[in-house]
Amino acid sequence: MSDKVWTVLVLCTGNSARSILGEALLGRMGEGRILAFSAGSKPKGVPHPGALRYLAANGYDLSAFRSKSWDEFASAASSPIDIAITVCGNAAGEACPIFTGAPVRTHW
């Protein structure tokens, strides 16, 4: 078994609900094996209150979650991304920036 920690970026248009929930679930379920992030092409600026209620009810520390642009992960200074997952049809159809690390891309 590999000791590699995979870096996963979950993408959605608004980065307010689905992608943040994906980041949370992958981060918790893959703890020690997956470093999860989320972002959006047109971020809303704040996570959806319903998503935050769900995370709080399930014991997540909410301070780690914020709505952010996928451009944060396209700069040379950002961590390399191993896997980029789109979780909405709009984001899947958009032209994504080039992410450091030349990630595998998939749609869920």
Protein backbone atom coordinates (compact mmCIF):
# COMPACT_ATOMS: atom_id res chain seq x y z
CA MET A 1 0.00 0.00 0.00
CA SER A 2 1.24 3.47 -0.88
CA ASP A 3 1.90 6.18 1.69
CA LYS A 4 0.90 8.83 -0.85
CA VAL A 5 -1.63 11.40 0.31
CA TRP A 6 -3.89 12.26 -2.64
CA THR A 7 -4.96 15.87 -3.12
CA VAL A 8 -8.56 16.10 -4.36
CA LEU A 9 -10.32 19.26 -5.52
CA VAL A 10 -14.14 19.13 -5.64
CA LEU A 11 -15.59 21.69 -8.06
CA CYS A 12 -19.03 23.23 -8.47
CA THR A 13 -20.21 26.53 -9.88
CA GLY A 14 -21.07 28.34 -6.62
CA ASN A 15 -18.90 26.41 -4.15
CA SER A 16 -21.63 26.81 -1.55
CA ALA A 17 -23.11 23.34 -0.99
CA ARG A 18 -22.30 20.23 -3.06
CA SER A 19 -18.60 20.87 -3.47
CA ILE A 20 -18.20 21.87 0.18
CA LEU A 21 -20.04 18.71 1.29
CA GLY A 22 -17.78 16.68 -1.02
CA GLU A 23 -14.71 18.32 0.49
CA ALA A 24 -15.96 17.52 3.99
CA LEU A 25 -16.84 13.89 3.28
CA LEU A 26 -13.66 13.11 1.36
CA GLY A 27 -11.55 14.82 4.01
CA ARG A 28 -13.13 12.85 6.85
CA MET A 29 -13.47 9.48 5.15
CA GLY A 30 -10.04 9.71 3.56
CA GLU A 31 -8.26 11.13 6.61
CA GLY A 32 -4.57 10.39 6.34
CA ARG A 33 -4.95 9.35 2.69
CA ILE A 34 -6.81 12.30 1.09
CA LEU A 35 -6.32 16.03 1.42
CA ALA A 36 -9.60 17.52 0.16
CA PHE A 37 -10.43 21.02 -1.05
CA SER A 38 -13.39 22.59 -2.84
CA ALA A 39 -13.83 25.58 -5.12
CA GLY A 40 -16.18 27.11 -7.67
CA SER A 41 -16.06 28.84 -11.04
CA LYS A 42 -18.38 31.59 -9.75
CA PRO A 43 -18.23 31.26 -5.94
CA LYS A 44 -21.20 32.57 -3.96
CA GLY A 45 -18.87 33.95 -1.28
CA VAL A 46 -20.45 32.03 1.60
CA PRO A 47 -21.38 28.38 2.15
CA HIS A 48 -25.09 27.53 1.98
CA PRO A 49 -26.68 27.61 5.47
CA GLY A 50 -28.21 24.15 4.91
CA ALA A 51 -24.82 22.66 4.10
CA LEU A 52 -23.36 24.24 7.23
CA ARG A 53 -26.25 22.91 9.37
CA TYR A 54 -25.63 19.41 8.02
CA LEU A 55 -21.89 19.61 8.70
CA ALA A 56 -22.43 21.01 12.22
CA ALA A 57 -24.97 18.29 13.02
CA ASN A 58 -22.39 15.70 11.98
CA GLY A 59 -19.55 17.06 14.08
CA TYR A 60 -17.55 18.98 11.49
CA ASP A 61 -15.53 22.06 12.46
CA LEU A 62 -17.16 24.74 10.30
CA SER A 63 -14.21 27.11 10.44
CA ALA A 64 -12.46 25.18 7.65
CA PHE A 65 -15.21 25.75 5.07
CA ARG A 66 -15.52 28.82 2.87
CA SER A 67 -16.69 29.56 -0.66
CA LYS A 68 -13.69 30.21 -2.90
CA SER A 69 -12.68 30.49 -6.54
CA TRP A 70 -11.01 27.68 -8.40
CA ASP A 71 -8.38 30.24 -9.42
CA GLU A 72 -6.80 29.77 -5.96
CA PHE A 73 -5.76 26.30 -7.10
CA ALA A 74 -4.45 27.32 -10.52
CA SER A 75 -1.52 29.45 -9.36
CA ALA A 76 2.04 28.20 -9.36
CA ALA A 77 2.12 28.66 -5.57
CA SER A 78 -0.81 26.30 -4.95
CA SER A 79 -0.49 22.65 -3.95
CA PRO A 80 -0.51 20.16 -6.84
CA ILE A 81 -3.93 18.58 -7.41
CA ASP A 82 -4.09 14.83 -8.11
CA ILE A 83 -7.83 14.53 -8.82
CA ALA A 84 -10.37 17.21 -9.80
CA ILE A 85 -14.03 16.17 -9.43
CA THR A 86 -16.90 18.26 -10.77
CA VAL A 87 -20.19 17.76 -8.92
CA CYS A 88 -22.54 19.84 -11.06
CA GLY A 89 -23.25 19.85 -14.77
CA ASN A 90 -22.44 23.54 -15.19
CA ALA A 91 -18.93 23.19 -13.75
CA ALA A 92 -18.37 20.00 -15.75
CA GLY A 93 -19.13 21.90 -18.96
CA GLU A 94 -16.97 24.92 -18.21
CA ALA A 95 -13.37 25.37 -19.26
CA CYS A 96 -11.41 24.78 -16.06
CA PRO A 97 -8.13 26.53 -15.41
CA ILE A 98 -4.91 24.54 -15.54
CA PHE A 99 -4.30 23.15 -12.07
CA THR A 100 -0.80 22.47 -10.79
CA GLY A 101 -0.13 18.75 -10.89
CA ALA A 102 -2.08 17.93 -14.09
CA PRO A 103 -4.89 16.18 -12.23
CA VAL A 104 -7.12 13.37 -13.36
CA ARG A 105 -10.53 14.93 -14.00
CA THR A 106 -13.88 13.27 -13.49
CA HIS A 107 -17.54 14.16 -13.00
CA TRP A 108 -19.67 12.80 -10.17
